[in-house]
Amino acid sequence: MLNVDVFTLVNYSEEKIVYKNILIATDGSELATQGLSHGLNLAKALNQSATIVTTTHIWPPTAVTDDTGLFMSDSIENFDKLASKEAQIILKSAQEIADKLGVSCEYIHVGNRYPAEGILETVNSKGCDLIVMASHGRRGLKKVLLGSVANEVLVNSNVPVLIVR
């Protein structure tokens, strides 16, 4: 829980910065749920709404082939259905947390996008002014091999990003 006694965020020129539409990214993992809770508590403290987004990857064409190595014709459709179903589960769980805190939210599933791309597209389309997301904080070779959605969002975002670890 955030200890929000004075949640006036101040920049160097002493102007108040109040975030009005906080985008919270989640993949449903335990770590992402911690980021979700942090973002929702921030929205509640600021008496603002939030946009919660989850993304599903682009269909991996090597994922499903028949015994000849050719792609199965219904693979993409099945992948999209399963991805959409999983996204709805993630967003329903996020909604339960938001409802308990009394935070008004919009829930968005961005399909067929790389996660960072989907997050940044949503920030722009919804006019969000802060991104809250979790990161494992991987470094070195693990970061290179596994990639980092948080790092990609940080590098490409035109709004502030709050990373929760």
C-alpha atoms as a PDB file:
ATOM      1  CA  MET A   1       0.000   0.000   0.000  1.00  0.00           C
ATOM      2  CA  LEU A   2       1.318   3.418  -0.869  1.00  0.00           C
ATOM      3  CA  ASN A   3       1.744   5.798   1.992  1.00  0.00           C
ATOM      4  CA  VAL A   4       0.230   8.843   0.378  1.00  0.00           C
ATOM      5  CA  ASP A   5       0.233  11.688   2.816  1.00  0.00           C
ATOM      6  CA  VAL A   6       1.322  14.298   0.335  1.00  0.00           C
ATOM      7  CA  PHE A   7       1.119  13.025  -3.210  1.00  0.00           C
ATOM      8  CA  THR A   8       1.869  16.293  -4.897  1.00  0.00           C
ATOM      9  CA  LEU A   9       4.428  15.371  -7.479  1.00  0.00           C
ATOM     10  CA  VAL A  10       6.734  18.298  -8.098  1.00  0.00           C
ATOM     11  CA  ASN A  11       9.170  18.953 -10.916  1.00  0.00           C
ATOM     12  CA  TYR A  12      12.272  21.123 -10.681  1.00  0.00           C
ATOM     13  CA  SER A  13      10.394  24.365 -11.306  1.00  0.00           C
ATOM     14  CA  GLU A  14       8.002  23.627  -8.419  1.00  0.00           C
ATOM     15  CA  GLU A  15       5.019  23.208 -10.741  1.00  0.00           C
ATOM     16  CA  LYS A  16       2.517  20.603  -9.645  1.00  0.00           C
ATOM     17  CA  ILE A  17       2.306  17.569 -11.872  1.00  0.00           C
ATOM     18  CA  VAL A  18      -0.888  15.626 -11.518  1.00  0.00           C
ATOM     19  CA  TYR A  19      -1.309  12.517 -13.581  1.00  0.00           C
ATOM     20  CA  LYS A  20      -4.821  12.327 -14.968  1.00  0.00           C
ATOM     21  CA  ASN A  21      -4.805   9.069 -16.934  1.00  0.00           C
ATOM     22  CA  ILE A  22      -2.420   6.428 -15.698  1.00  0.00           C
ATOM     23  CA  LEU A  23      -1.748   3.476 -17.963  1.00  0.00           C
ATOM     24  CA  ILE A  24      -1.016   0.291 -16.040  1.00  0.00           C
ATOM     25  CA  ALA A  25       0.444  -2.599 -18.006  1.00  0.00           C
ATOM     26  CA  THR A  26      -0.023  -6.166 -16.807  1.00  0.00           C
ATOM     27  CA  ASP A  27       0.569  -9.672 -18.067  1.00  0.00           C
ATOM     28  CA  GLY A  28      -1.156 -11.293 -15.112  1.00  0.00           C
ATOM     29  CA  SER A  29       2.056 -12.530 -13.499  1.00  0.00           C
ATOM     30  CA  GLU A  30       2.677 -12.139  -9.786  1.00  0.00           C
ATOM     31  CA  LEU A  31       5.216  -9.371 -10.389  1.00  0.00           C
ATOM     32  CA  ALA A  32       2.924  -7.556 -12.838  1.00  0.00           C
ATOM     33  CA  THR A  33       0.119  -7.766 -10.273  1.00  0.00           C
ATOM     34  CA  GLN A  34       2.358  -5.955  -7.784  1.00  0.00           C
ATOM     35  CA  GLY A  35       2.843  -3.239 -10.411  1.00  0.00           C
ATOM     36  CA  LEU A  36      -0.912  -3.199 -11.031  1.00  0.00           C
ATOM     37  CA  SER A  37      -1.616  -2.726  -7.320  1.00  0.00           C
ATOM     38  CA  HIS A  38       0.955   0.037  -7.098  1.00  0.00           C
ATOM     39  CA  GLY A  39      -0.519   1.843 -10.109  1.00  0.00           C
ATOM     40  CA  LEU A  40      -4.085   1.486  -8.839  1.00  0.00           C
ATOM     41  CA  ASN A  41      -3.109   2.818  -5.419  1.00  0.00           C
ATOM     42  CA  LEU A  42      -1.439   5.770  -7.120  1.00  0.00           C
ATOM     43  CA  ALA A  43      -4.572   6.440  -9.193  1.00  0.00           C
ATOM     44  CA  LYS A  44      -6.692   6.227  -6.050  1.00  0.00           C
ATOM     45  CA  ALA A  45      -4.395   8.593  -4.138  1.00  0.00           C
ATOM     46  CA  LEU A  46      -4.610  11.100  -6.981  1.00  0.00           C
ATOM     47  CA  ASN A  47      -8.353  10.520  -7.353  1.00  0.00           C
ATOM     48  CA  GLN A  48      -7.857   9.674 -11.025  1.00  0.00           C
ATOM     49  CA  SER A  49      -8.862   6.910 -13.386  1.00  0.00           C
ATOM     50  CA  ALA A  50      -6.568   4.355 -14.950  1.00  0.00           C
ATOM     51  CA  THR A  51      -6.279   2.483 -18.199  1.00  0.00           C
ATOM     52  CA  ILE A  52      -5.247  -1.122 -17.732  1.00  0.00           C
ATOM     53  CA  VAL A  53      -3.725  -2.848 -20.725  1.00  0.00           C
ATOM     54  CA  THR A  54      -2.598  -6.363 -21.446  1.00  0.00           C
ATOM     55  CA  THR A  55      -1.034  -7.425 -24.706  1.00  0.00           C
ATOM     56  CA  THR A  56      -0.715 -10.677 -26.570  1.00  0.00           C
ATOM     57  CA  HIS A  57       2.154 -11.464 -28.865  1.00  0.00           C
ATOM     58  CA  ILE A  58       2.073 -11.807 -32.577  1.00  0.00           C
ATOM     59  CA  TRP A  59       1.275 -15.358 -33.642  1.00  0.00           C
ATOM     60  CA  PRO A  60       4.525 -17.343 -33.779  1.00  0.00           C
ATOM     61  CA  PRO A  61       4.442 -19.026 -37.206  1.00  0.00           C
ATOM     62  CA  THR A  62       6.709 -21.832 -36.048  1.00  0.00           C
ATOM     63  CA  ALA A  63       4.372 -22.736 -33.209  1.00  0.00           C
ATOM     64  CA  VAL A  64       1.970 -25.084 -34.963  1.00  0.00           C
ATOM     65  CA  THR A  65       2.684 -27.121 -38.045  1.00  0.00           C
ATOM     66  CA  ASP A  66       1.385 -30.410 -39.341  1.00  0.00           C
ATOM     67  CA  ASP A  67       3.638 -33.456 -39.770  1.00  0.00           C
ATOM     68  CA  THR A  68       4.890 -32.149 -43.151  1.00  0.00           C
ATOM     69  CA  GLY A  69       6.101 -28.907 -41.599  1.00  0.00           C
ATOM     70  CA  LEU A  70       3.388 -26.831 -43.271  1.00  0.00           C
ATOM     71  CA  PHE A  71       1.375 -24.381 -41.209  1.00  0.00           C
ATOM     72  CA  MET A  72      -2.023 -25.589 -40.138  1.00  0.00           C
ATOM     73  CA  SER A  73      -4.695 -23.316 -41.601  1.00  0.00           C
ATOM     74  CA  ASP A  74      -6.614 -22.830 -38.367  1.00  0.00           C
ATOM     75  CA  SER A  75      -3.523 -22.216 -36.216  1.00  0.00           C
ATOM     76  CA  ILE A  76      -3.708 -18.427 -36.285  1.00  0.00           C
ATOM     77  CA  GLU A  77      -7.419 -18.390 -35.499  1.00  0.00           C
ATOM     78  CA  ASN A  78      -6.955 -20.797 -32.583  1.00  0.00           C
ATOM     79  CA  PHE A  79      -3.996 -18.810 -31.286  1.00  0.00           C
ATOM     80  CA  ASP A  80      -6.011 -15.572 -31.406  1.00  0.00           C
ATOM     81  CA  LYS A  81      -8.955 -17.188 -29.579  1.00  0.00           C
ATOM     82  CA  LEU A  82      -6.722 -18.587 -26.835  1.00  0.00           C
ATOM     83  CA  ALA A  83      -4.826 -15.295 -26.512  1.00  0.00           C
ATOM     84  CA  SER A  84      -8.065 -13.329 -26.270  1.00  0.00           C
ATOM     85  CA  LYS A  85      -9.426 -15.720 -23.649  1.00  0.00           C
ATOM     86  CA  GLU A  86      -6.253 -15.406 -21.564  1.00  0.00           C
ATOM     87  CA  ALA A  87      -6.329 -11.607 -21.893  1.00  0.00           C
ATOM     88  CA  GLN A  88      -9.921 -11.506 -20.629  1.00  0.00           C
ATOM     89  CA  ILE A  89      -8.908 -13.565 -17.583  1.00  0.00           C
ATOM     90  CA  ILE A  90      -6.046 -11.142 -16.860  1.00  0.00           C
ATOM     91  CA  LEU A  91      -8.295  -8.095 -17.266  1.00  0.00           C
ATOM     92  CA  LYS A  92     -11.062  -9.601 -15.113  1.00  0.00           C
ATOM     93  CA  SER A  93      -8.542 -10.186 -12.334  1.00  0.00           C
ATOM     94  CA  ALA A  94      -7.316  -6.595 -12.705  1.00  0.00           C
ATOM     95  CA  GLN A  95     -10.910  -5.361 -12.553  1.00  0.00           C
ATOM     96  CA  GLU A  96     -11.496  -7.215  -9.278  1.00  0.00           C
ATOM     97  CA  ILE A  97      -8.489  -5.458  -7.738  1.00  0.00           C
ATOM     98  CA  ALA A  98      -9.564  -2.059  -9.098  1.00  0.00           C
ATOM     99  CA  ASP A  99     -13.126  -2.560  -7.852  1.00  0.00           C
ATOM    100  CA  LYS A 100     -11.878  -3.377  -4.326  1.00  0.00           C
ATOM    101  CA  LEU A 101      -9.904  -0.127  -4.336  1.00  0.00           C
ATOM    102  CA  GLY A 102     -12.726   1.862  -5.899  1.00  0.00           C
ATOM    103  CA  VAL A 103     -10.685   3.006  -8.901  1.00  0.00           C
ATOM    104  CA  SER A 104     -12.462   3.653 -12.189  1.00  0.00           C
ATOM    105  CA  CYS A 105     -10.661   1.941 -15.063  1.00  0.00           C
ATOM    106  CA  GLU A 106     -10.828   1.211 -18.744  1.00  0.00           C
ATOM    107  CA  TYR A 107      -9.654  -2.290 -19.689  1.00  0.00           C
ATOM    108  CA  ILE A 108      -7.898  -2.902 -22.989  1.00  0.00           C
ATOM    109  CA  HIS A 109      -6.522  -5.970 -24.719  1.00  0.00           C
ATOM    110  CA  VAL A 110      -4.098  -5.266 -27.544  1.00  0.00           C
ATOM    111  CA  GLY A 111      -3.636  -8.385 -29.620  1.00  0.00           C
ATOM    112  CA  ASN A 112      -1.075  -9.289 -32.239  1.00  0.00           C
ATOM    113  CA  ARG A 113       1.521  -6.824 -31.026  1.00  0.00           C
ATOM    114  CA  TYR A 114       4.812  -7.070 -29.269  1.00  0.00           C
ATOM    115  CA  PRO A 115       4.118  -6.016 -25.666  1.00  0.00           C
ATOM    116  CA  ALA A 116       6.068  -2.740 -25.665  1.00  0.00           C
ATOM    117  CA  GLU A 117       4.526  -1.753 -28.990  1.00  0.00           C
ATOM    118  CA  GLY A 118       1.002  -2.430 -27.691  1.00  0.00           C
ATOM    119  CA  ILE A 119       1.636  -0.514 -24.485  1.00  0.00           C
ATOM    120  CA  LEU A 120       3.002   2.528 -26.313  1.00  0.00           C
ATOM    121  CA  GLU A 121       0.185   2.484 -28.876  1.00  0.00           C
ATOM    122  CA  THR A 122      -2.343   2.497 -26.031  1.00  0.00           C
ATOM    123  CA  VAL A 123      -0.586   5.373 -24.258  1.00  0.00           C
ATOM    124  CA  ASN A 124      -0.896   7.455 -27.420  1.00  0.00           C
ATOM    125  CA  SER A 125      -4.437   6.447 -28.372  1.00  0.00           C
ATOM    126  CA  LYS A 126      -5.826   6.982 -24.849  1.00  0.00           C
ATOM    127  CA  GLY A 127      -3.873  10.114 -23.986  1.00  0.00           C
ATOM    128  CA  CYS A 128      -2.203   8.598 -20.938  1.00  0.00           C
ATOM    129  CA  ASP A 129       0.338  10.726 -19.113  1.00  0.00           C
ATOM    130  CA  LEU A 130       2.106   8.082 -16.997  1.00  0.00           C
ATOM    131  CA  ILE A 131       2.934   4.416 -17.509  1.00  0.00           C
ATOM    132  CA  VAL A 132       3.165   2.096 -14.502  1.00  0.00           C
ATOM    133  CA  MET A 133       4.589  -1.361 -15.079  1.00  0.00           C
ATOM    134  CA  ALA A 134       6.635  -4.017 -13.353  1.00  0.00           C
ATOM    135  CA  SER A 135      10.064  -5.265 -14.324  1.00  0.00           C
ATOM    136  CA  HIS A 136      12.195  -8.157 -13.211  1.00  0.00           C
ATOM    137  CA  GLY A 137      15.209  -5.874 -13.421  1.00  0.00           C
ATOM    138  CA  ARG A 138      17.263  -8.324 -15.430  1.00  0.00           C
ATOM    139  CA  ARG A 139      20.785  -7.231 -16.225  1.00  0.00           C
ATOM    140  CA  GLY A 140      23.603  -8.266 -18.463  1.00  0.00           C
ATOM    141  CA  LEU A 141      23.293 -11.400 -20.556  1.00  0.00           C
ATOM    142  CA  LYS A 142      19.849 -12.313 -19.181  1.00  0.00           C
ATOM    143  CA  LYS A 143      18.547  -8.953 -20.369  1.00  0.00           C
ATOM    144  CA  VAL A 144      20.101  -9.407 -23.794  1.00  0.00           C
ATOM    145  CA  LEU A 145      18.812 -12.955 -24.200  1.00  0.00           C
ATOM    146  CA  LEU A 146      15.380 -12.483 -22.670  1.00  0.00           C
ATOM    147  CA  GLY A 147      14.769  -8.898 -23.730  1.00  0.00           C
ATOM    148  CA  SER A 148      13.042  -6.368 -21.595  1.00  0.00           C
ATOM    149  CA  VAL A 149       9.617  -4.959 -22.292  1.00  0.00           C
ATOM    150  CA  ALA A 150      10.140  -2.387 -19.548  1.00  0.00           C
ATOM    151  CA  ASN A 151      13.420  -1.257 -21.088  1.00  0.00           C
ATOM    152  CA  GLU A 152      11.853  -0.918 -24.537  1.00  0.00           C
ATOM    153  CA  VAL A 153       8.962   1.098 -23.103  1.00  0.00           C
ATOM    154  CA  LEU A 154      11.381   3.314 -21.163  1.00  0.00           C
ATOM    155  CA  VAL A 155      13.493   4.027 -24.219  1.00  0.00           C
ATOM    156  CA  ASN A 156      10.569   4.737 -26.564  1.00  0.00           C
ATOM    157  CA  SER A 157       7.982   6.401 -24.321  1.00  0.00           C
ATOM    158  CA  ASN A 158       7.186  10.089 -24.597  1.00  0.00           C
ATOM    159  CA  VAL A 159       5.557  10.095 -21.120  1.00  0.00           C
ATOM    160  CA  PRO A 160       7.080   9.255 -17.722  1.00  0.00           C
ATOM    161  CA  VAL A 161       7.390   5.576 -16.828  1.00  0.00           C
ATOM    162  CA  LEU A 162       7.214   4.258 -13.275  1.00  0.00           C
ATOM    163  CA  ILE A 163       8.875   0.853 -12.982  1.00  0.00           C
ATOM    164  CA  VAL A 164       7.889  -1.337 -10.039  1.00  0.00           C
ATOM    165  CA  ARG A 165      10.266  -4.086  -8.893  1.00  0.00           C
END
